[in-house]
Amino acid sequence: ELPVAIKADPEKTHEVSVTISDDADNARIGSMRLKINVSDLVPADDFEVSLNGVSLESEPCRKSPRWHDAFTGVWMEFELNKVRPHRGPNSLQIALRERPEGFEGEISIDDVEIIVEYDLLAAS
């Protein structure tokens, strides 16, 4: 499914399927993060991400350069505190609603990762 090329369109949403085997309700999970590798994204782009139909707008997001090609790519890393994936297939919805005036072309979703970290000292 990847990469996914996305042109600016206020009406179009693209889906990427992500399957996990972890149970998000497991008390031993310390954190869950969603990482999306995006090429050609600029700060002024109107870019939206949802997980299973729930917007990630309220979740903390850190952006960092893609070290091997920092001029074209960025990692967007969402802390999944309230919006969590479930065991099995999950749907990631991505939309590029608008680009700044004068910007043409598309962005590309090159990689998607869900990182589950377990707290080894958590009570069972």
PDB file of N, CA and C in Angstrom:
ATOM      1  N   GLU A   1       0.804  -1.206   0.000  1.00  0.00           N
ATOM      2  CA  GLU A   1       0.000   0.000   0.000  1.00  0.00           C
ATOM      3  C   GLU A   1       0.842   1.262   0.000  1.00  0.00           C
ATOM      4  N   LEU A   2       2.076   1.190   0.468  1.00  0.00           N
ATOM      5  CA  LEU A   2       2.908   2.384   0.561  1.00  0.00           C
ATOM      6  C   LEU A   2       3.967   2.357  -0.536  1.00  0.00           C
ATOM      7  N   PRO A   3       4.369   3.497  -1.049  1.00  0.00           N
ATOM      8  CA  PRO A   3       3.963   4.844  -0.663  1.00  0.00           C
ATOM      9  C   PRO A   3       2.592   5.208  -1.226  1.00  0.00           C
ATOM     10  N   VAL A   4       1.969   6.212  -0.591  1.00  0.00           N
ATOM     11  CA  VAL A   4       0.686   6.739  -1.038  1.00  0.00           C
ATOM     12  C   VAL A   4       0.896   8.201  -1.417  1.00  0.00           C
ATOM     13  N   ALA A   5       0.634   8.531  -2.674  1.00  0.00           N
ATOM     14  CA  ALA A   5       0.739   9.910  -3.143  1.00  0.00           C
ATOM     15  C   ALA A   5      -0.585  10.613  -2.885  1.00  0.00           C
ATOM     16  N   ILE A   6      -0.521  11.812  -2.295  1.00  0.00           N
ATOM     17  CA  ILE A   6      -1.731  12.539  -1.916  1.00  0.00           C
ATOM     18  C   ILE A   6      -1.669  13.956  -2.468  1.00  0.00           C
ATOM     19  N   LYS A   7      -2.642  14.285  -3.312  1.00  0.00           N
ATOM     20  CA  LYS A   7      -2.787  15.654  -3.812  1.00  0.00           C
ATOM     21  C   LYS A   7      -3.762  16.405  -2.920  1.00  0.00           C
ATOM     22  N   ALA A   8      -3.608  17.713  -2.880  1.00  0.00           N
ATOM     23  CA  ALA A   8      -4.518  18.534  -2.083  1.00  0.00           C
ATOM     24  C   ALA A   8      -5.931  18.429  -2.649  1.00  0.00           C
ATOM     25  N   ASP A   9      -6.864  18.057  -1.784  1.00  0.00           N
ATOM     26  CA  ASP A   9      -8.266  17.927  -2.164  1.00  0.00           C
ATOM     27  C   ASP A   9      -9.093  17.994  -0.890  1.00  0.00           C
ATOM     28  N   PRO A  10      -9.930  19.041  -0.746  1.00  0.00           N
ATOM     29  CA  PRO A  10     -10.702  19.186   0.493  1.00  0.00           C
ATOM     30  C   PRO A  10     -11.712  18.070   0.729  1.00  0.00           C
ATOM     31  N   GLU A  11     -12.001  17.267  -0.292  1.00  0.00           N
ATOM     32  CA  GLU A  11     -13.021  16.227  -0.178  1.00  0.00           C
ATOM     33  C   GLU A  11     -12.457  14.808  -0.097  1.00  0.00           C
ATOM     34  N   LYS A  12     -11.166  14.631  -0.326  1.00  0.00           N
ATOM     35  CA  LYS A  12     -10.622  13.271  -0.452  1.00  0.00           C
ATOM     36  C   LYS A  12      -9.792  12.875   0.766  1.00  0.00           C
ATOM     37  N   THR A  13     -10.044  11.659   1.242  1.00  0.00           N
ATOM     38  CA  THR A  13      -9.285  11.061   2.337  1.00  0.00           C
ATOM     39  C   THR A  13      -8.698   9.743   1.845  1.00  0.00           C
ATOM     40  N   HIS A  14      -7.452   9.490   2.196  1.00  0.00           N
ATOM     41  CA  HIS A  14      -6.762   8.262   1.805  1.00  0.00           C
ATOM     42  C   HIS A  14      -6.636   7.361   3.020  1.00  0.00           C
ATOM     43  N   GLU A  15      -6.741   6.059   2.805  1.00  0.00           N
ATOM     44  CA  GLU A  15      -6.668   5.108   3.920  1.00  0.00           C
ATOM     45  C   GLU A  15      -5.457   4.201   3.782  1.00  0.00           C
ATOM     46  N   VAL A  16      -4.845   3.944   4.931  1.00  0.00           N
ATOM     47  CA  VAL A  16      -3.747   2.989   5.027  1.00  0.00           C
ATOM     48  C   VAL A  16      -4.126   2.017   6.136  1.00  0.00           C
ATOM     49  N   SER A  17      -4.038   0.736   5.851  1.00  0.00           N
ATOM     50  CA  SER A  17      -4.375  -0.279   6.843  1.00  0.00           C
ATOM     51  C   SER A  17      -3.133  -0.633   7.656  1.00  0.00           C
ATOM     52  N   VAL A  18      -3.310  -0.686   8.982  1.00  0.00           N
ATOM     53  CA  VAL A  18      -2.228  -1.044   9.899  1.00  0.00           C
ATOM     54  C   VAL A  18      -2.772  -2.108  10.840  1.00  0.00           C
ATOM     55  N   THR A  19      -2.104  -3.243  10.926  1.00  0.00           N
ATOM     56  CA  THR A  19      -2.542  -4.326  11.803  1.00  0.00           C
ATOM     57  C   THR A  19      -1.581  -4.447  12.977  1.00  0.00           C
ATOM     58  N   ILE A  20      -2.139  -4.543  14.199  1.00  0.00           N
ATOM     59  CA  ILE A  20      -1.293  -4.760  15.373  1.00  0.00           C
ATOM     60  C   ILE A  20      -1.800  -5.978  16.141  1.00  0.00           C
ATOM     61  N   SER A  21      -0.903  -6.615  16.843  1.00  0.00           N
ATOM     62  CA  SER A  21      -1.283  -7.788  17.632  1.00  0.00           C
ATOM     63  C   SER A  21      -1.401  -7.463  19.114  1.00  0.00           C
ATOM     64  N   ASP A  22      -0.992  -6.247  19.512  1.00  0.00           N
ATOM     65  CA  ASP A  22      -1.050  -5.856  20.923  1.00  0.00           C
ATOM     66  C   ASP A  22      -2.461  -5.438  21.319  1.00  0.00           C
ATOM     67  N   ASP A  23      -2.813  -5.670  22.575  1.00  0.00           N
ATOM     68  CA  ASP A  23      -4.092  -5.250  23.138  1.00  0.00           C
ATOM     69  C   ASP A  23      -3.886  -3.900  23.814  1.00  0.00           C
ATOM     70  N   ALA A  24      -4.484  -2.837  23.272  1.00  0.00           N
ATOM     71  CA  ALA A  24      -4.294  -1.481  23.795  1.00  0.00           C
ATOM     72  C   ALA A  24      -4.753  -1.334  25.236  1.00  0.00           C
ATOM     73  N   ASP A  25      -5.600  -2.235  25.732  1.00  0.00           N
ATOM     74  CA  ASP A  25      -6.084  -2.167  27.115  1.00  0.00           C
ATOM     75  C   ASP A  25      -5.168  -2.891  28.101  1.00  0.00           C
ATOM     76  N   ASN A  26      -4.099  -3.481  27.617  1.00  0.00           N
ATOM     77  CA  ASN A  26      -3.165  -4.193  28.487  1.00  0.00           C
ATOM     78  C   ASN A  26      -2.520  -3.204  29.464  1.00  0.00           C
ATOM     79  N   ALA A  27      -2.629  -3.458  30.761  1.00  0.00           N
ATOM     80  CA  ALA A  27      -2.106  -2.550  31.789  1.00  0.00           C
ATOM     81  C   ALA A  27      -0.589  -2.417  31.733  1.00  0.00           C
ATOM     82  N   ARG A  28       0.072  -3.338  31.085  1.00  0.00           N
ATOM     83  CA  ARG A  28       1.537  -3.281  31.005  1.00  0.00           C
ATOM     84  C   ARG A  28       2.046  -2.343  29.906  1.00  0.00           C
ATOM     85  N   ILE A  29       1.160  -1.849  29.063  1.00  0.00           N
ATOM     86  CA  ILE A  29       1.597  -0.936  28.007  1.00  0.00           C
ATOM     87  C   ILE A  29       1.903   0.419  28.634  1.00  0.00           C
ATOM     88  N   GLY A  30       3.142   0.869  28.439  1.00  0.00           N
ATOM     89  CA  GLY A  30       3.558   2.170  28.953  1.00  0.00           C
ATOM     90  C   GLY A  30       3.226   3.293  27.994  1.00  0.00           C
ATOM     91  N   SER A  31       3.391   3.055  26.682  1.00  0.00           N
ATOM     92  CA  SER A  31       3.078   4.085  25.694  1.00  0.00           C
ATOM     93  C   SER A  31       2.840   3.447  24.333  1.00  0.00           C
ATOM     94  N   MET A  32       2.074   4.183  23.516  1.00  0.00           N
ATOM     95  CA  MET A  32       1.850   3.801  22.123  1.00  0.00           C
ATOM     96  C   MET A  32       2.067   5.055  21.287  1.00  0.00           C
ATOM     97  N   ARG A  33       2.800   4.875  20.187  1.00  0.00           N
ATOM     98  CA  ARG A  33       3.067   5.999  19.299  1.00  0.00           C
ATOM     99  C   ARG A  33       2.804   5.583  17.852  1.00  0.00           C
ATOM    100  N   LEU A  34       2.329   6.543  17.081  1.00  0.00           N
ATOM    101  CA  LEU A  34       2.132   6.364  15.646  1.00  0.00           C
ATOM    102  C   LEU A  34       3.138   7.258  14.943  1.00  0.00           C
ATOM    103  N   LYS A  35       3.951   6.657  14.079  1.00  0.00           N
ATOM    104  CA  LYS A  35       4.914   7.426  13.299  1.00  0.00           C
ATOM    105  C   LYS A  35       4.522   7.353  11.829  1.00  0.00           C
ATOM    106  N   ILE A  36       4.492   8.528  11.193  1.00  0.00           N
ATOM    107  CA  ILE A  36       4.169   8.619   9.772  1.00  0.00           C
ATOM    108  C   ILE A  36       5.309   9.357   9.088  1.00  0.00           C
ATOM    109  N   ASN A  37       5.882   8.751   8.068  1.00  0.00           N
ATOM    110  CA  ASN A  37       6.952   9.378   7.311  1.00  0.00           C
ATOM    111  C   ASN A  37       6.331  10.038   6.084  1.00  0.00           C
ATOM    112  N   VAL A  38       6.469  11.372   5.995  1.00  0.00           N
ATOM    113  CA  VAL A  38       5.817  12.149   4.945  1.00  0.00           C
ATOM    114  C   VAL A  38       6.868  12.916   4.149  1.00  0.00           C
ATOM    115  N   SER A  39       6.808  12.813   2.823  1.00  0.00           N
ATOM    116  CA  SER A  39       7.687  13.582   1.939  1.00  0.00           C
ATOM    117  C   SER A  39       6.951  14.801   1.412  1.00  0.00           C
ATOM    118  N   ASP A  40       7.680  15.893   1.267  1.00  0.00           N
ATOM    119  CA  ASP A  40       7.212  17.123   0.613  1.00  0.00           C
ATOM    120  C   ASP A  40       6.112  17.852   1.372  1.00  0.00           C
ATOM    121  N   LEU A  41       6.002  17.628   2.667  1.00  0.00           N
ATOM    122  CA  LEU A  41       5.046  18.346   3.513  1.00  0.00           C
ATOM    123  C   LEU A  41       5.679  19.666   3.937  1.00  0.00           C
ATOM    124  N   VAL A  42       4.914  20.756   3.863  1.00  0.00           N
ATOM    125  CA  VAL A  42       5.396  22.062   4.333  1.00  0.00           C
ATOM    126  C   VAL A  42       4.541  22.496   5.514  1.00  0.00           C
ATOM    127  N   PRO A  43       5.084  23.349   6.402  1.00  0.00           N
ATOM    128  CA  PRO A  43       4.342  23.733   7.611  1.00  0.00           C
ATOM    129  C   PRO A  43       2.962  24.332   7.348  1.00  0.00           C
ATOM    130  N   ALA A  44       2.771  24.993   6.217  1.00  0.00           N
ATOM    131  CA  ALA A  44       1.489  25.640   5.941  1.00  0.00           C
ATOM    132  C   ALA A  44       0.448  24.698   5.329  1.00  0.00           C
ATOM    133  N   ASP A  45       0.808  23.446   5.060  1.00  0.00           N
ATOM    134  CA  ASP A  45      -0.169  22.486   4.527  1.00  0.00           C
ATOM    135  C   ASP A  45      -1.258  22.213   5.555  1.00  0.00           C
ATOM    136  N   ASP A  46      -2.497  22.081   5.081  1.00  0.00           N
ATOM    137  CA  ASP A  46      -3.620  21.676   5.935  1.00  0.00           C
ATOM    138  C   ASP A  46      -3.710  20.154   5.825  1.00  0.00           C
ATOM    139  N   PHE A  47      -3.095  19.479   6.797  1.00  0.00           N
ATOM    140  CA  PHE A  47      -2.893  18.030   6.782  1.00  0.00           C
ATOM    141  C   PHE A  47      -3.637  17.430   7.963  1.00  0.00           C
ATOM    142  N   GLU A  48      -4.459  16.402   7.721  1.00  0.00           N
ATOM    143  CA  GLU A  48      -5.257  15.788   8.782  1.00  0.00           C
ATOM    144  C   GLU A  48      -4.980  14.290   8.859  1.00  0.00           C
ATOM    145  N   VAL A  49      -4.929  13.789  10.102  1.00  0.00           N
ATOM    146  CA  VAL A  49      -4.711  12.365  10.337  1.00  0.00           C
ATOM    147  C   VAL A  49      -5.752  11.871  11.332  1.00  0.00           C
ATOM    148  N   SER A  50      -6.379  10.737  11.027  1.00  0.00           N
ATOM    149  CA  SER A  50      -7.335  10.096  11.936  1.00  0.00           C
ATOM    150  C   SER A  50      -6.979   8.619  12.044  1.00  0.00           C
ATOM    151  N   LEU A  51      -7.317   8.034  13.180  1.00  0.00           N
ATOM    152  CA  LEU A  51      -7.121   6.603  13.398  1.00  0.00           C
ATOM    153  C   LEU A  51      -8.478   5.993  13.685  1.00  0.00           C
ATOM    154  N   ASN A  52      -8.904   5.070  12.839  1.00  0.00           N
ATOM    155  CA  ASN A  52     -10.219   4.431  12.959  1.00  0.00           C
ATOM    156  C   ASN A  52     -11.332   5.468  13.052  1.00  0.00           C
ATOM    157  N   GLY A  53     -11.208   6.539  12.263  1.00  0.00           N
ATOM    158  CA  GLY A  53     -12.238   7.566  12.191  1.00  0.00           C
ATOM    159  C   GLY A  53     -12.174   8.633  13.265  1.00  0.00           C
ATOM    160  N   VAL A  54     -11.197   8.569  14.173  1.00  0.00           N
ATOM    161  CA  VAL A  54     -11.072   9.552  15.254  1.00  0.00           C
ATOM    162  C   VAL A  54      -9.846  10.423  14.978  1.00  0.00           C
ATOM    163  N   SER A  55     -10.059  11.736  14.914  1.00  0.00           N
ATOM    164  CA  SER A  55      -8.977  12.674  14.625  1.00  0.00           C
ATOM    165  C   SER A  55      -7.868  12.594  15.669  1.00  0.00           C
ATOM    166  N   LEU A  56      -6.635  12.723  15.212  1.00  0.00           N
ATOM    167  CA  LEU A  56      -5.485  12.758  16.117  1.00  0.00           C
ATOM    168  C   LEU A  56      -5.066  14.190  16.441  1.00  0.00           C
ATOM    169  N   GLU A  57      -5.922  15.141  16.102  1.00  0.00           N
ATOM    170  CA  GLU A  57      -5.606  16.556  16.323  1.00  0.00           C
ATOM    171  C   GLU A  57      -5.302  16.869  17.787  1.00  0.00           C
ATOM    172  N   SER A  58      -5.958  16.184  18.719  1.00  0.00           N
ATOM    173  CA  SER A  58      -5.759  16.466  20.145  1.00  0.00           C
ATOM    174  C   SER A  58      -4.558  15.717  20.734  1.00  0.00           C
ATOM    175  N   GLU A  59      -3.977  14.796  19.983  1.00  0.00           N
ATOM    176  CA  GLU A  59      -2.835  14.040  20.485  1.00  0.00           C
ATOM    177  C   GLU A  59      -1.538  14.822  20.235  1.00  0.00           C
ATOM    178  N   PRO A  60      -0.601  14.776  21.179  1.00  0.00           N
ATOM    179  CA  PRO A  60       0.678  15.459  20.963  1.00  0.00           C
ATOM    180  C   PRO A  60       1.382  14.894  19.729  1.00  0.00           C
ATOM    181  N   CYS A  61       1.963  15.794  18.930  1.00  0.00           N
ATOM    182  CA  CYS A  61       2.665  15.384  17.716  1.00  0.00           C
ATOM    183  C   CYS A  61       4.017  16.089  17.650  1.00  0.00           C
ATOM    184  N   ARG A  62       5.050  15.300  17.458  1.00  0.00           N
ATOM    185  CA  ARG A  62       6.399  15.842  17.308  1.00  0.00           C
ATOM    186  C   ARG A  62       6.853  15.566  15.878  1.00  0.00           C
ATOM    187  N   LYS A  63       7.458  16.571  15.256  1.00  0.00           N
ATOM    188  CA  LYS A  63       7.981  16.415  13.901  1.00  0.00           C
ATOM    189  C   LYS A  63       9.503  16.422  13.958  1.00  0.00           C
ATOM    190  N   SER A  64      10.108  15.503  13.232  1.00  0.00           N
ATOM    191  CA  SER A  64      11.563  15.456  13.168  1.00  0.00           C
ATOM    192  C   SER A  64      11.980  15.114  11.742  1.00  0.00           C
ATOM    193  N   PRO A  65      13.146  15.595  11.317  1.00  0.00           N
ATOM    194  CA  PRO A  65      13.570  15.345   9.933  1.00  0.00           C
ATOM    195  C   PRO A  65      13.876  13.876   9.693  1.00  0.00           C
ATOM    196  N   ARG A  66      13.729  13.509   8.468  1.00  0.00           N
ATOM    197  CA  ARG A  66      14.144  12.170   8.035  1.00  0.00           C
ATOM    198  C   ARG A  66      15.637  12.293   7.736  1.00  0.00           C
ATOM    199  N   TRP A  67      16.452  11.742   8.596  1.00  0.00           N
ATOM    200  CA  TRP A  67      17.888  12.022   8.583  1.00  0.00           C
ATOM    201  C   TRP A  67      18.574  11.671   7.277  1.00  0.00           C
ATOM    202  N   HIS A  68      18.162  10.645   6.591  1.00  0.00           N
ATOM    203  CA  HIS A  68      18.844  10.284   5.346  1.00  0.00           C
ATOM    204  C   HIS A  68      18.430  11.166   4.178  1.00  0.00           C
ATOM    205  N   ASP A  69      17.343  11.943   4.335  1.00  0.00           N
ATOM    206  CA  ASP A  69      16.849  12.807   3.260  1.00  0.00           C
ATOM    207  C   ASP A  69      16.020  13.925   3.876  1.00  0.00           C
ATOM    208  N   ALA A  70      16.652  14.751   4.701  1.00  0.00           N
ATOM    209  CA  ALA A  70      15.924  15.746   5.494  1.00  0.00           C
ATOM    210  C   ALA A  70      15.237  16.810   4.656  1.00  0.00           C
ATOM    211  N   PHE A  71      15.665  17.017   3.423  1.00  0.00           N
ATOM    212  CA  PHE A  71      15.064  18.063   2.615  1.00  0.00           C
ATOM    213  C   PHE A  71      13.695  17.667   2.074  1.00  0.00           C
ATOM    214  N   THR A  72      13.408  16.395   2.009  1.00  0.00           N
ATOM    215  CA  THR A  72      12.130  15.980   1.429  1.00  0.00           C
ATOM    216  C   THR A  72      11.206  15.275   2.402  1.00  0.00           C
ATOM    217  N   GLY A  73      11.705  14.886   3.564  1.00  0.00           N
ATOM    218  CA  GLY A  73      10.846  14.086   4.429  1.00  0.00           C
ATOM    219  C   GLY A  73      10.878  14.496   5.879  1.00  0.00           C
ATOM    220  N   VAL A  74       9.783  14.168   6.550  1.00  0.00           N
ATOM    221  CA  VAL A  74       9.652  14.436   7.978  1.00  0.00           C
ATOM    222  C   VAL A  74       8.931  13.251   8.616  1.00  0.00           C
ATOM    223  N   TRP A  75       9.336  12.925   9.846  1.00  0.00           N
ATOM    224  CA  TRP A  75       8.593  11.951  10.645  1.00  0.00           C
ATOM    225  C   TRP A  75       7.621  12.722  11.517  1.00  0.00           C
ATOM    226  N   MET A  76       6.344  12.389  11.444  1.00  0.00           N
ATOM    227  CA  MET A  76       5.340  12.922  12.365  1.00  0.00           C
ATOM    228  C   MET A  76       5.080  11.818  13.381  1.00  0.00           C
ATOM    229  N   GLU A  77       5.322  12.115  14.657  1.00  0.00           N
ATOM    230  CA  GLU A  77       5.189  11.105  15.701  1.00  0.00           C
ATOM    231  C   GLU A  77       4.101  11.528  16.684  1.00  0.00           C
ATOM    232  N   PHE A  78       2.989  10.798  16.652  1.00  0.00           N
ATOM    233  CA  PHE A  78       1.849  11.081  17.525  1.00  0.00           C
ATOM    234  C   PHE A  78       1.917  10.202  18.766  1.00  0.00           C
ATOM    235  N   GLU A  79       1.781  10.805  19.940  1.00  0.00           N
ATOM    236  CA  GLU A  79       1.622  10.040  21.174  1.00  0.00           C
ATOM    237  C   GLU A  79       0.152   9.642  21.253  1.00  0.00           C
ATOM    238  N   LEU A  80      -0.128   8.360  21.297  1.00  0.00           N
ATOM    239  CA  LEU A  80      -1.509   7.878  21.308  1.00  0.00           C
ATOM    240  C   LEU A  80      -1.969   7.711  22.755  1.00  0.00           C
ATOM    241  N   ASN A  81      -2.354   8.830  23.356  1.00  0.00           N
ATOM    242  CA  ASN A  81      -2.789   8.828  24.752  1.00  0.00           C
ATOM    243  C   ASN A  81      -4.276   8.513  24.892  1.00  0.00           C
ATOM    244  N   LYS A  82      -5.106   9.155  24.059  1.00  0.00           N
ATOM    245  CA  LYS A  82      -6.564   8.978  24.132  1.00  0.00           C
ATOM    246  C   LYS A  82      -7.085   8.133  22.984  1.00  0.00           C
ATOM    247  N   VAL A  83      -6.519   8.331  21.817  1.00  0.00           N
ATOM    248  CA  VAL A  83      -6.933   7.588  20.625  1.00  0.00           C
ATOM    249  C   VAL A  83      -5.967   6.419  20.470  1.00  0.00           C
ATOM    250  N   ARG A  84      -6.479   5.211  20.624  1.00  0.00           N
ATOM    251  CA  ARG A  84      -5.628   4.018  20.583  1.00  0.00           C
ATOM    252  C   ARG A  84      -6.084   3.078  19.476  1.00  0.00           C
ATOM    253  N   PRO A  85      -5.140   2.392  18.857  1.00  0.00           N
ATOM    254  CA  PRO A  85      -5.527   1.348  17.910  1.00  0.00           C
ATOM    255  C   PRO A  85      -6.062   0.148  18.673  1.00  0.00           C
ATOM    256  N   HIS A  86      -6.770  -0.712  17.981  1.00  0.00           N
ATOM    257  CA  HIS A  86      -7.232  -1.946  18.608  1.00  0.00           C
ATOM    258  C   HIS A  86      -6.492  -3.129  17.981  1.00  0.00           C
ATOM    259  N   ARG A  87      -6.560  -4.254  18.659  1.00  0.00           N
ATOM    260  CA  ARG A  87      -5.918  -5.466  18.144  1.00  0.00           C
ATOM    261  C   ARG A  87      -6.561  -5.831  16.813  1.00  0.00           C
ATOM    262  N   GLY A  88      -5.716  -6.162  15.848  1.00  0.00           N
ATOM    263  CA  GLY A  88      -6.210  -6.512  14.525  1.00  0.00           C
ATOM    264  C   GLY A  88      -6.028  -5.363  13.552  1.00  0.00           C
ATOM    265  N   PRO A  89      -6.822  -5.357  12.476  1.00  0.00           N
ATOM    266  CA  PRO A  89      -6.677  -4.303  11.476  1.00  0.00           C
ATOM    267  C   PRO A  89      -7.211  -2.962  11.977  1.00  0.00           C
ATOM    268  N   ASN A  90      -6.481  -1.904  11.664  1.00  0.00           N
ATOM    269  CA  ASN A  90      -6.860  -0.534  11.987  1.00  0.00           C
ATOM    270  C   ASN A  90      -6.775   0.281  10.710  1.00  0.00           C
ATOM    271  N   SER A  91      -7.563   1.342  10.643  1.00  0.00           N
ATOM    272  CA  SER A  91      -7.579   2.194   9.467  1.00  0.00           C
ATOM    273  C   SER A  91      -7.025   3.573   9.816  1.00  0.00           C
ATOM    274  N   LEU A  92      -5.980   3.956   9.102  1.00  0.00           N
ATOM    275  CA  LEU A  92      -5.393   5.281   9.248  1.00  0.00           C
ATOM    276  C   LEU A  92      -5.907   6.126   8.094  1.00  0.00           C
ATOM    277  N   GLN A  93      -6.585   7.233   8.407  1.00  0.00           N
ATOM    278  CA  GLN A  93      -7.111   8.116   7.373  1.00  0.00           C
ATOM    279  C   GLN A  93      -6.238   9.369   7.307  1.00  0.00           C
ATOM    280  N   ILE A  94      -5.817   9.704   6.093  1.00  0.00           N
ATOM    281  CA  ILE A  94      -4.911  10.825   5.879  1.00  0.00           C
ATOM    282  C   ILE A  94      -5.494  11.708   4.787  1.00  0.00           C
ATOM    283  N   ALA A  95      -5.489  13.027   5.049  1.00  0.00           N
ATOM    284  CA  ALA A  95      -6.025  13.966   4.069  1.00  0.00           C
ATOM    285  C   ALA A  95      -5.129  15.194   3.983  1.00  0.00           C
ATOM    286  N   LEU A  96      -4.936  15.674   2.778  1.00  0.00           N
ATOM    287  CA  LEU A  96      -4.271  16.950   2.527  1.00  0.00           C
ATOM    288  C   LEU A  96      -5.350  17.872   1.993  1.00  0.00           C
ATOM    289  N   ARG A  97      -5.938  18.651   2.888  1.00  0.00           N
ATOM    290  CA  ARG A  97      -7.090  19.484   2.527  1.00  0.00           C
ATOM    291  C   ARG A  97      -6.705  20.660   1.637  1.00  0.00           C
ATOM    292  N   GLU A  98      -5.535  21.252   1.915  1.00  0.00           N
ATOM    293  CA  GLU A  98      -5.158  22.448   1.166  1.00  0.00           C
ATOM    294  C   GLU A  98      -3.652  22.662   1.273  1.00  0.00           C
ATOM    295  N   ARG A  99      -3.079  23.204   0.192  1.00  0.00           N
ATOM    296  CA  ARG A  99      -1.665  23.603   0.183  1.00  0.00           C
ATOM    297  C   ARG A  99      -1.606  25.122   0.096  1.00  0.00           C
ATOM    298  N   PRO A 100      -0.501  25.713   0.498  1.00  0.00           N
ATOM    299  CA  PRO A 100      -0.377  27.168   0.385  1.00  0.00           C
ATOM    300  C   PRO A 100      -0.506  27.614  -1.070  1.00  0.00           C
ATOM    301  N   GLU A 101      -0.934  28.841  -1.251  1.00  0.00           N
ATOM    302  CA  GLU A 101      -1.092  29.382  -2.596  1.00  0.00           C
ATOM    303  C   GLU A 101       0.231  29.284  -3.347  1.00  0.00           C
ATOM    304  N   GLY A 102       0.160  28.804  -4.567  1.00  0.00           N
ATOM    305  CA  GLY A 102       1.342  28.671  -5.396  1.00  0.00           C
ATOM    306  C   GLY A 102       2.041  27.325  -5.283  1.00  0.00           C
ATOM    307  N   PHE A 103       1.639  26.500  -4.305  1.00  0.00           N
ATOM    308  CA  PHE A 103       2.238  25.171  -4.156  1.00  0.00           C
ATOM    309  C   PHE A 103       1.449  24.176  -4.994  1.00  0.00           C
ATOM    310  N   GLU A 104       2.150  23.481  -5.842  1.00  0.00           N
ATOM    311  CA  GLU A 104       1.545  22.417  -6.638  1.00  0.00           C
ATOM    312  C   GLU A 104       2.164  21.099  -6.190  1.00  0.00           C
ATOM    313  N   GLY A 105       1.725  20.032  -6.795  1.00  0.00           N
ATOM    314  CA  GLY A 105       2.317  18.742  -6.475  1.00  0.00           C
ATOM    315  C   GLY A 105       1.615  18.059  -5.327  1.00  0.00           C
ATOM    316  N   GLU A 106       2.255  17.034  -4.841  1.00  0.00           N
ATOM    317  CA  GLU A 106       1.638  16.172  -3.847  1.00  0.00           C
ATOM    318  C   GLU A 106       2.627  15.854  -2.743  1.00  0.00           C
ATOM    319  N   ILE A 107       2.090  15.324  -1.658  1.00  0.00           N
ATOM    320  CA  ILE A 107       2.927  14.774  -0.606  1.00  0.00           C
ATOM    321  C   ILE A 107       2.906  13.257  -0.773  1.00  0.00           C
ATOM    322  N   SER A 108       3.786  12.588  -0.072  1.00  0.00           N
ATOM    323  CA  SER A 108       3.831  11.132  -0.153  1.00  0.00           C
ATOM    324  C   SER A 108       3.961  10.549   1.247  1.00  0.00           C
ATOM    325  N   ILE A 109       3.099   9.589   1.557  1.00  0.00           N
ATOM    326  CA  ILE A 109       3.216   8.834   2.802  1.00  0.00           C
ATOM    327  C   ILE A 109       4.111   7.643   2.476  1.00  0.00           C
ATOM    328  N   ASP A 110       5.314   7.646   3.047  1.00  0.00           N
ATOM    329  CA  ASP A 110       6.311   6.644   2.685  1.00  0.00           C
ATOM    330  C   ASP A 110       6.409   5.492   3.671  1.00  0.00           C
ATOM    331  N   ASP A 111       6.027   5.733   4.920  1.00  0.00           N
ATOM    332  CA  ASP A 111       6.152   4.690   5.933  1.00  0.00           C
ATOM    333  C   ASP A 111       5.198   4.999   7.077  1.00  0.00           C
ATOM    334  N   VAL A 112       4.669   3.960   7.699  1.00  0.00           N
ATOM    335  CA  VAL A 112       3.791   4.087   8.868  1.00  0.00           C
ATOM    336  C   VAL A 112       4.216   3.026   9.876  1.00  0.00           C
ATOM    337  N   GLU A 113       4.375   3.442  11.129  1.00  0.00           N
ATOM    338  CA  GLU A 113       4.755   2.513  12.192  1.00  0.00           C
ATOM    339  C   GLU A 113       3.904   2.779  13.427  1.00  0.00           C
ATOM    340  N   ILE A 114       3.509   1.730  14.111  1.00  0.00           N
ATOM    341  CA  ILE A 114       2.913   1.862  15.442  1.00  0.00           C
ATOM    342  C   ILE A 114       3.890   1.215  16.408  1.00  0.00           C
ATOM    343  N   ILE A 115       4.321   1.999  17.382  1.00  0.00           N
ATOM    344  CA  ILE A 115       5.312   1.538  18.352  1.00  0.00           C
ATOM    345  C   ILE A 115       4.615   1.348  19.689  1.00  0.00           C
ATOM    346  N   VAL A 116       4.713   0.146  20.225  1.00  0.00           N
ATOM    347  CA  VAL A 116       4.113  -0.189  21.521  1.00  0.00           C
ATOM    348  C   VAL A 116       5.252  -0.484  22.482  1.00  0.00           C
ATOM    349  N   GLU A 117       5.302   0.283  23.574  1.00  0.00           N
ATOM    350  CA  GLU A 117       6.338   0.072  24.583  1.00  0.00           C
ATOM    351  C   GLU A 117       5.684  -0.428  25.857  1.00  0.00           C
ATOM    352  N   TYR A 118       6.249  -1.483  26.398  1.00  0.00           N
ATOM    353  CA  TYR A 118       5.714  -2.082  27.616  1.00  0.00           C
ATOM    354  C   TYR A 118       6.501  -1.610  28.825  1.00  0.00           C
ATOM    355  N   ASP A 119       5.785  -1.366  29.914  1.00  0.00           N
ATOM    356  CA  ASP A 119       6.388  -1.017  31.193  1.00  0.00           C
ATOM    357  C   ASP A 119       6.593  -2.321  31.950  1.00  0.00           C
ATOM    358  N   LEU A 120       7.810  -2.743  32.063  1.00  0.00           N
ATOM    359  CA  LEU A 120       8.095  -4.045  32.676  1.00  0.00           C
ATOM    360  C   LEU A 120       7.783  -4.089  34.161  1.00  0.00           C
ATOM    361  N   LEU A 121       7.655  -2.920  34.799  1.00  0.00           N
ATOM    362  CA  LEU A 121       7.387  -2.881  36.233  1.00  0.00           C
ATOM    363  C   LEU A 121       5.913  -2.664  36.561  1.00  0.00           C
ATOM    364  N   ALA A 122       5.060  -2.595  35.531  1.00  0.00           N
ATOM    365  CA  ALA A 122       3.633  -2.366  35.778  1.00  0.00           C
ATOM    366  C   ALA A 122       3.011  -3.560  36.491  1.00  0.00           C
ATOM    367  N   ALA A 123       2.032  -3.252  37.338  1.00  0.00           N
ATOM    368  CA  ALA A 123       1.309  -4.334  38.038  1.00  0.00           C
ATOM    369  C   ALA A 123       0.481  -5.111  37.031  1.00  0.00           C
ATOM    370  N   SER A 124       0.366  -6.391  37.234  1.00  0.00           N
ATOM    371  CA  SER A 124      -0.406  -7.213  36.294  1.00  0.00           C
ATOM    372  C   SER A 124      -1.864  -7.242  36.644  1.00  0.00           C
TER     373      SER A 124
END
